[in-house]
Amino acid sequence: METTEIIANAHTTINATVSRVWRALVTPAEIKVYMFGATVESDWKEGSPIVWKGEWKGKPYEDRGVILNIDPGHTLRYSHWSPLSGRPDTPENRHTVTIELAGESGRTLVSLAQDNNKTAEEQVSSSKNWTTMLEGLKKSVEQS
């Protein structure tokens, strides 16, 4: 039996202010550096589309979603669907990705959760991918 409540999680602490980390989360040129080379298009407003284009494991992709909630410096939540999933673009096949920031003493805790993983294997794979992305975010922000 499939369940949609399997959550993939990832987190990191970045030695930078919340405002600096937030800027990296919503600036396409910065996103391209740490998110596997993806080109991201969005106006970063609630209800607006967000599109990621790139190549993953030798295959071109164009992932789509919608900005569900944006609270600058605190929360970025969006839906996400990828044709690489092999599933049709229907609501039951979209993930919700929630990124939350919390700052303390010039450092930022970044917590990420992705819902609607269909299997434990998908959860593990998603967690690994998001952990890699957050490691890239950390490296990119701390070196800039």
N, C-alpha and C. Protein backbone atom coordinates (compact mmCIF):
# COMPACT_ATOMS: atom_id res chain seq x y z
N MET A 1 0.84 -1.20 0.00
CA MET A 1 0.00 0.00 0.00
C MET A 1 0.88 1.25 0.00
N GLU A 2 0.56 2.19 -0.89
CA GLU A 2 1.31 3.43 -0.95
C GLU A 2 0.82 4.41 0.12
N THR A 3 1.76 5.15 0.65
CA THR A 3 1.40 6.21 1.58
C THR A 3 2.02 7.51 1.08
N THR A 4 1.36 8.62 1.30
CA THR A 4 1.89 9.91 0.85
C THR A 4 2.46 10.72 2.01
N GLU A 5 2.47 10.15 3.18
CA GLU A 5 2.94 10.90 4.34
C GLU A 5 4.36 10.54 4.75
N ILE A 6 5.14 10.04 3.82
CA ILE A 6 6.54 9.75 4.09
C ILE A 6 7.32 11.03 3.79
N ILE A 7 7.94 11.60 4.81
CA ILE A 7 8.59 12.90 4.72
C ILE A 7 10.11 12.72 4.61
N ALA A 8 10.70 13.38 3.64
CA ALA A 8 12.16 13.45 3.52
C ALA A 8 12.60 14.74 4.22
N ASN A 9 13.65 14.65 5.01
CA ASN A 9 14.15 15.80 5.75
C ASN A 9 15.64 16.01 5.49
N ALA A 10 16.05 17.26 5.58
CA ALA A 10 17.46 17.62 5.51
C ALA A 10 17.63 18.92 6.28
N HIS A 11 18.82 19.12 6.83
CA HIS A 11 19.08 20.38 7.53
C HIS A 11 20.57 20.66 7.57
N THR A 12 20.89 21.91 7.79
CA THR A 12 22.28 22.32 7.95
C THR A 12 22.31 23.63 8.72
N THR A 13 23.46 23.96 9.25
CA THR A 13 23.69 25.27 9.86
C THR A 13 24.73 25.99 9.02
N ILE A 14 24.40 27.21 8.63
CA ILE A 14 25.26 28.01 7.77
C ILE A 14 25.81 29.18 8.57
N ASN A 15 27.08 29.41 8.44
CA ASN A 15 27.73 30.52 9.13
C ASN A 15 27.51 31.80 8.34
N ALA A 16 26.28 32.26 8.37
CA ALA A 16 25.89 33.50 7.69
C ALA A 16 24.55 33.94 8.27
N THR A 17 24.21 35.19 8.05
CA THR A 17 22.96 35.72 8.57
C THR A 17 21.77 35.14 7.80
N VAL A 18 20.61 35.21 8.43
CA VAL A 18 19.38 34.75 7.78
C VAL A 18 19.15 35.52 6.48
N SER A 19 19.38 36.82 6.49
CA SER A 19 19.13 37.61 5.27
C SER A 19 20.03 37.16 4.13
N ARG A 20 21.26 36.79 4.43
CA ARG A 20 22.19 36.32 3.39
C ARG A 20 21.74 34.96 2.84
N VAL A 21 21.33 34.05 3.73
CA VAL A 21 20.86 32.74 3.30
C VAL A 21 19.57 32.89 2.50
N TRP A 22 18.66 33.74 2.96
CA TRP A 22 17.41 33.96 2.23
C TRP A 22 17.69 34.44 0.81
N ARG A 23 18.61 35.38 0.68
CA ARG A 23 18.95 35.90 -0.64
C ARG A 23 19.41 34.76 -1.56
N ALA A 24 20.20 33.85 -1.02
CA ALA A 24 20.67 32.71 -1.82
C ALA A 24 19.52 31.78 -2.22
N LEU A 25 18.49 31.71 -1.39
CA LEU A 25 17.35 30.84 -1.69
C LEU A 25 16.46 31.36 -2.81
N VAL A 26 16.47 32.67 -3.05
CA VAL A 26 15.53 33.26 -4.02
C VAL A 26 16.22 34.04 -5.14
N THR A 27 17.52 33.85 -5.32
CA THR A 27 18.26 34.51 -6.38
C THR A 27 18.68 33.47 -7.41
N PRO A 28 18.08 33.50 -8.61
CA PRO A 28 18.37 32.45 -9.60
C PRO A 28 19.85 32.20 -9.88
N ALA A 29 20.66 33.24 -9.96
CA ALA A 29 22.08 33.04 -10.24
C ALA A 29 22.76 32.27 -9.12
N GLU A 30 22.34 32.50 -7.88
CA GLU A 30 22.92 31.77 -6.75
C GLU A 30 22.38 30.34 -6.70
N ILE A 31 21.08 30.17 -6.99
CA ILE A 31 20.47 28.84 -6.97
C ILE A 31 21.20 27.93 -7.95
N LYS A 32 21.53 28.45 -9.12
CA LYS A 32 22.21 27.65 -10.15
C LYS A 32 23.52 27.07 -9.62
N VAL A 33 24.21 27.79 -8.74
CA VAL A 33 25.49 27.35 -8.19
C VAL A 33 25.33 26.13 -7.29
N TYR A 34 24.30 26.11 -6.45
CA TYR A 34 24.20 25.04 -5.46
C TYR A 34 23.10 24.01 -5.75
N MET A 35 22.23 24.27 -6.72
CA MET A 35 21.14 23.34 -6.98
C MET A 35 21.37 22.61 -8.30
N PHE A 36 22.49 21.90 -8.36
CA PHE A 36 22.76 20.99 -9.47
C PHE A 36 22.73 21.68 -10.83
N GLY A 37 23.03 22.99 -10.88
CA GLY A 37 23.07 23.72 -12.14
C GLY A 37 21.73 24.12 -12.69
N ALA A 38 20.68 24.00 -11.90
CA ALA A 38 19.32 24.31 -12.38
C ALA A 38 19.14 25.80 -12.64
N THR A 39 18.46 26.10 -13.72
CA THR A 39 18.02 27.46 -14.00
C THR A 39 16.62 27.58 -13.43
N VAL A 40 16.40 28.56 -12.54
CA VAL A 40 15.11 28.71 -11.87
C VAL A 40 14.44 29.99 -12.33
N GLU A 41 13.14 29.88 -12.62
CA GLU A 41 12.36 31.04 -13.02
C GLU A 41 11.16 31.17 -12.09
N SER A 42 11.02 32.33 -11.45
CA SER A 42 9.86 32.64 -10.61
C SER A 42 9.92 34.12 -10.26
N ASP A 43 8.74 34.68 -9.98
CA ASP A 43 8.74 36.06 -9.46
C ASP A 43 8.68 36.07 -7.94
N TRP A 44 8.72 34.87 -7.33
CA TRP A 44 8.80 34.70 -5.88
C TRP A 44 7.63 35.36 -5.15
N LYS A 45 6.45 35.21 -5.72
CA LYS A 45 5.23 35.69 -5.07
C LYS A 45 4.30 34.51 -4.84
N GLU A 46 3.59 34.54 -3.71
CA GLU A 46 2.66 33.47 -3.38
C GLU A 46 1.66 33.28 -4.52
N GLY A 47 1.47 32.02 -4.93
CA GLY A 47 0.56 31.69 -6.01
C GLY A 47 1.20 31.69 -7.38
N SER A 48 2.44 32.16 -7.48
CA SER A 48 3.13 32.23 -8.76
C SER A 48 3.81 30.91 -9.10
N PRO A 49 4.00 30.65 -10.40
CA PRO A 49 4.71 29.44 -10.80
C PRO A 49 6.20 29.54 -10.48
N ILE A 50 6.82 28.37 -10.35
CA ILE A 50 8.26 28.25 -10.24
C ILE A 50 8.65 27.10 -11.16
N VAL A 51 9.69 27.31 -11.96
CA VAL A 51 10.14 26.32 -12.93
C VAL A 51 11.64 26.14 -12.76
N TRP A 52 12.07 24.88 -12.75
CA TRP A 52 13.48 24.53 -12.70
C TRP A 52 13.81 23.82 -14.00
N LYS A 53 14.87 24.24 -14.67
CA LYS A 53 15.30 23.59 -15.90
C LYS A 53 16.76 23.19 -15.75
N GLY A 54 17.09 22.04 -16.29
CA GLY A 54 18.47 21.61 -16.23
C GLY A 54 18.64 20.21 -16.78
N GLU A 55 19.70 19.57 -16.31
CA GLU A 55 20.00 18.21 -16.71
C GLU A 55 20.33 17.41 -15.46
N TRP A 56 19.75 16.22 -15.33
CA TRP A 56 19.99 15.37 -14.18
C TRP A 56 20.33 13.97 -14.67
N LYS A 57 21.53 13.50 -14.30
CA LYS A 57 22.00 12.18 -14.72
C LYS A 57 21.89 12.01 -16.23
N GLY A 58 22.27 13.07 -16.95
CA GLY A 58 22.30 13.03 -18.40
C GLY A 58 20.98 13.27 -19.10
N LYS A 59 19.91 13.53 -18.35
CA LYS A 59 18.59 13.75 -18.95
C LYS A 59 18.13 15.18 -18.69
N PRO A 60 17.70 15.88 -19.75
CA PRO A 60 17.15 17.22 -19.54
C PRO A 60 15.80 17.12 -18.81
N TYR A 61 15.53 18.14 -18.02
CA TYR A 61 14.24 18.16 -17.30
C TYR A 61 13.72 19.58 -17.21
N GLU A 62 12.42 19.68 -16.96
CA GLU A 62 11.78 20.95 -16.63
C GLU A 62 10.76 20.64 -15.54
N ASP A 63 11.17 20.86 -14.30
CA ASP A 63 10.30 20.64 -13.16
C ASP A 63 9.41 21.86 -12.97
N ARG A 64 8.23 21.63 -12.40
CA ARG A 64 7.29 22.73 -12.19
C ARG A 64 6.72 22.71 -10.78
N GLY A 65 6.26 23.88 -10.37
CA GLY A 65 5.58 24.00 -9.09
C GLY A 65 4.94 25.35 -8.95
N VAL A 66 4.44 25.60 -7.75
CA VAL A 66 3.78 26.87 -7.42
C VAL A 66 4.29 27.31 -6.05
N ILE A 67 4.56 28.59 -5.90
CA ILE A 67 4.94 29.14 -4.60
C ILE A 67 3.68 29.12 -3.72
N LEU A 68 3.72 28.33 -2.66
CA LEU A 68 2.56 28.19 -1.77
C LEU A 68 2.58 29.17 -0.62
N ASN A 69 3.79 29.47 -0.13
CA ASN A 69 3.94 30.42 0.98
C ASN A 69 5.33 30.99 0.91
N ILE A 70 5.43 32.29 1.05
CA ILE A 70 6.74 32.93 1.09
C ILE A 70 6.70 34.00 2.17
N ASP A 71 7.52 33.78 3.18
CA ASP A 71 7.65 34.69 4.31
C ASP A 71 9.13 35.03 4.40
N PRO A 72 9.56 36.12 3.72
CA PRO A 72 10.99 36.42 3.60
C PRO A 72 11.74 36.33 4.93
N GLY A 73 12.85 35.59 4.87
CA GLY A 73 13.68 35.41 6.04
C GLY A 73 13.22 34.31 6.96
N HIS A 74 12.08 33.69 6.64
CA HIS A 74 11.54 32.64 7.51
C HIS A 74 11.19 31.36 6.79
N THR A 75 10.26 31.45 5.81
CA THR A 75 9.71 30.25 5.20
C THR A 75 9.55 30.41 3.70
N LEU A 76 9.96 29.37 2.97
CA LEU A 76 9.68 29.24 1.55
C LEU A 76 9.04 27.87 1.36
N ARG A 77 7.80 27.85 0.86
CA ARG A 77 7.09 26.58 0.65
C ARG A 77 6.55 26.59 -0.78
N TYR A 78 6.84 25.50 -1.50
CA TYR A 78 6.36 25.39 -2.87
C TYR A 78 6.01 23.95 -3.20
N SER A 79 5.13 23.81 -4.19
CA SER A 79 4.85 22.48 -4.71
C SER A 79 5.93 22.17 -5.75
N HIS A 80 6.11 20.87 -6.02
CA HIS A 80 7.14 20.45 -6.96
C HIS A 80 6.72 19.17 -7.66
N TRP A 81 6.87 19.16 -8.98
CA TRP A 81 6.65 17.95 -9.77
C TRP A 81 7.76 17.86 -10.80
N SER A 82 8.26 16.66 -11.01
CA SER A 82 9.30 16.43 -12.01
C SER A 82 8.87 15.36 -12.99
N PRO A 83 9.06 15.60 -14.29
CA PRO A 83 8.77 14.56 -15.26
C PRO A 83 9.68 13.35 -15.09
N LEU A 84 10.84 13.54 -14.45
CA LEU A 84 11.75 12.43 -14.21
C LEU A 84 11.17 11.41 -13.23
N SER A 85 10.09 11.79 -12.53
CA SER A 85 9.44 10.85 -11.61
C SER A 85 8.72 9.74 -12.37
N GLY A 86 8.41 10.00 -13.65
CA GLY A 86 7.67 9.03 -14.44
C GLY A 86 6.18 9.04 -14.15
N ARG A 87 5.74 9.95 -13.30
CA ARG A 87 4.33 10.06 -12.93
C ARG A 87 3.72 11.29 -13.59
N PRO A 88 2.41 11.26 -13.88
CA PRO A 88 1.77 12.44 -14.49
C PRO A 88 1.74 13.62 -13.53
N ASP A 89 1.67 14.83 -14.09
CA ASP A 89 1.61 16.05 -13.29
C ASP A 89 0.18 16.25 -12.79
N THR A 90 -0.11 15.57 -11.69
CA THR A 90 -1.41 15.68 -11.02
C THR A 90 -1.16 16.00 -9.56
N PRO A 91 -2.13 16.58 -8.87
CA PRO A 91 -1.91 16.99 -7.47
C PRO A 91 -1.36 15.87 -6.59
N GLU A 92 -1.82 14.64 -6.78
CA GLU A 92 -1.34 13.56 -5.91
C GLU A 92 0.11 13.18 -6.18
N ASN A 93 0.67 13.67 -7.29
CA ASN A 93 2.07 13.37 -7.61
C ASN A 93 3.00 14.55 -7.35
N ARG A 94 2.49 15.60 -6.74
CA ARG A 94 3.33 16.75 -6.40
C ARG A 94 3.80 16.64 -4.95
N HIS A 95 5.02 17.07 -4.75
CA HIS A 95 5.58 17.18 -3.39
C HIS A 95 5.33 18.61 -2.91
N THR A 96 5.30 18.78 -1.62
CA THR A 96 5.40 20.11 -1.03
C THR A 96 6.76 20.18 -0.36
N VAL A 97 7.55 21.17 -0.74
CA VAL A 97 8.87 21.39 -0.15
C VAL A 97 8.77 22.61 0.75
N THR A 98 9.17 22.45 1.99
CA THR A 98 9.13 23.55 2.96
C THR A 98 10.55 23.79 3.46
N ILE A 99 11.02 25.02 3.28
CA ILE A 99 12.34 25.41 3.78
C ILE A 99 12.11 26.48 4.84
N GLU A 100 12.65 26.23 6.03
CA GLU A 100 12.50 27.18 7.13
C GLU A 100 13.87 27.61 7.62
N LEU A 101 13.98 28.89 7.96
CA LEU A 101 15.22 29.46 8.45
C LEU A 101 15.04 29.95 9.88
N ALA A 102 16.07 29.74 10.68
CA ALA A 102 16.09 30.27 12.05
C ALA A 102 17.51 30.76 12.32
N GLY A 103 17.61 31.99 12.75
CA GLY A 103 18.93 32.58 12.97
C GLY A 103 19.27 32.72 14.43
N GLU A 104 20.58 32.60 14.69
CA GLU A 104 21.08 32.82 16.05
C GLU A 104 22.56 33.17 15.97
N SER A 105 22.93 34.31 16.51
CA SER A 105 24.33 34.75 16.59
C SER A 105 25.04 34.72 15.25
N GLY A 106 24.36 35.22 14.20
CA GLY A 106 24.99 35.31 12.90
C GLY A 106 25.02 34.00 12.12
N ARG A 107 24.41 32.96 12.67
CA ARG A 107 24.34 31.67 12.00
C ARG A 107 22.88 31.37 11.65
N THR A 108 22.67 30.53 10.65
CA THR A 108 21.31 30.22 10.21
C THR A 108 21.11 28.72 10.13
N LEU A 109 20.10 28.24 10.85
CA LEU A 109 19.69 26.84 10.75
C LEU A 109 18.69 26.76 9.60
N VAL A 110 18.99 25.91 8.64
CA VAL A 110 18.11 25.68 7.49
C VAL A 110 17.52 24.29 7.64
N SER A 111 16.19 24.22 7.70
CA SER A 111 15.47 22.94 7.81
C SER A 111 14.61 22.78 6.57
N LEU A 112 14.68 21.61 5.95
CA LEU A 112 13.92 21.35 4.74
C LEU A 112 13.14 20.05 4.90
N ALA A 113 11.89 20.07 4.46
CA ALA A 113 11.05 18.87 4.48
C ALA A 113 10.35 18.75 3.13
N GLN A 114 10.30 17.52 2.60
CA GLN A 114 9.58 17.24 1.36
C GLN A 114 8.59 16.12 1.64
N ASP A 115 7.31 16.41 1.45
CA ASP A 115 6.29 15.40 1.72
C ASP A 115 5.99 14.57 0.47
N ASN A 116 5.06 13.67 0.61
CA ASN A 116 4.50 12.88 -0.49
C ASN A 116 5.50 11.96 -1.17
N ASN A 117 6.47 11.45 -0.42
CA ASN A 117 7.32 10.40 -0.96
C ASN A 117 6.52 9.11 -0.94
N LYS A 118 6.56 8.38 -2.03
CA LYS A 118 5.69 7.21 -2.18
C LYS A 118 6.20 5.98 -1.44
N THR A 119 7.52 5.89 -1.26
CA THR A 119 8.12 4.72 -0.61
C THR A 119 9.25 5.17 0.30
N ALA A 120 9.69 4.28 1.16
CA ALA A 120 10.84 4.58 2.02
C ALA A 120 12.09 4.80 1.17
N GLU A 121 12.21 4.08 0.07
CA GLU A 121 13.37 4.25 -0.82
C GLU A 121 13.37 5.64 -1.44
N GLU A 122 12.20 6.11 -1.85
CA GLU A 122 12.09 7.45 -2.41
C GLU A 122 12.43 8.50 -1.35
N GLN A 123 12.01 8.26 -0.11
CA GLN A 123 12.33 9.17 0.99
C GLN A 123 13.84 9.27 1.19
N VAL A 124 14.51 8.13 1.20
CA VAL A 124 15.96 8.12 1.39
C VAL A 124 16.66 8.85 0.25
N SER A 125 16.24 8.58 -0.98
CA SER A 125 16.83 9.25 -2.14
C SER A 125 16.61 10.75 -2.08
N SER A 126 15.38 11.16 -1.76
CA SER A 126 15.07 12.59 -1.66
C SER A 126 15.88 13.25 -0.55
N SER A 127 15.99 12.60 0.60
CA SER A 127 16.78 13.16 1.71
C SER A 127 18.23 13.35 1.29
N LYS A 128 18.79 12.37 0.59
CA LYS A 128 20.18 12.48 0.12
C LYS A 128 20.33 13.65 -0.85
N ASN A 129 19.41 13.77 -1.80
CA ASN A 129 19.49 14.87 -2.76
C ASN A 129 19.39 16.22 -2.07
N TRP A 130 18.43 16.35 -1.13
CA TRP A 130 18.28 17.63 -0.42
C TRP A 130 19.48 17.92 0.47
N THR A 131 20.05 16.90 1.09
CA THR A 131 21.25 17.10 1.91
C THR A 131 22.39 17.61 1.05
N THR A 132 22.55 17.03 -0.14
CA THR A 132 23.59 17.48 -1.07
C THR A 132 23.34 18.93 -1.47
N MET A 133 22.08 19.27 -1.75
CA MET A 133 21.74 20.65 -2.12
C MET A 133 22.07 21.60 -0.99
N LEU A 134 21.70 21.24 0.25
CA LEU A 134 21.97 22.12 1.38
C LEU A 134 23.47 22.25 1.65
N GLU A 135 24.24 21.18 1.43
CA GLU A 135 25.70 21.28 1.56
C GLU A 135 26.25 22.27 0.54
N GLY A 136 25.68 22.24 -0.69
CA GLY A 136 26.09 23.20 -1.71
C GLY A 136 25.70 24.62 -1.35
N LEU A 137 24.50 24.79 -0.79
CA LEU A 137 24.06 26.10 -0.33
C LEU A 137 25.00 26.64 0.73
N LYS A 138 25.32 25.81 1.70
CA LYS A 138 26.23 26.19 2.79
C LYS A 138 27.60 26.64 2.22
N LYS A 139 28.16 25.82 1.37
CA LYS A 139 29.46 26.12 0.78
C LYS A 139 29.42 27.42 -0.02
N SER A 140 28.38 27.57 -0.84
CA SER A 140 28.23 28.75 -1.68
C SER A 140 28.11 30.03 -0.84
N VAL A 141 27.26 29.99 0.16
CA VAL A 141 27.03 31.19 1.00
C VAL A 141 28.26 31.51 1.83
N GLU A 142 28.86 30.48 2.44
CA GLU A 142 30.01 30.74 3.31
C GLU A 142 31.24 31.21 2.55
N GLN A 143 31.33 30.88 1.28
CA GLN A 143 32.51 31.29 0.49
C GLN A 143 32.29 32.62 -0.22
N SER A 144 31.08 33.16 -0.15
CA SER A 144 30.82 34.42 -0.87
C SER A 144 31.07 35.63 0.01
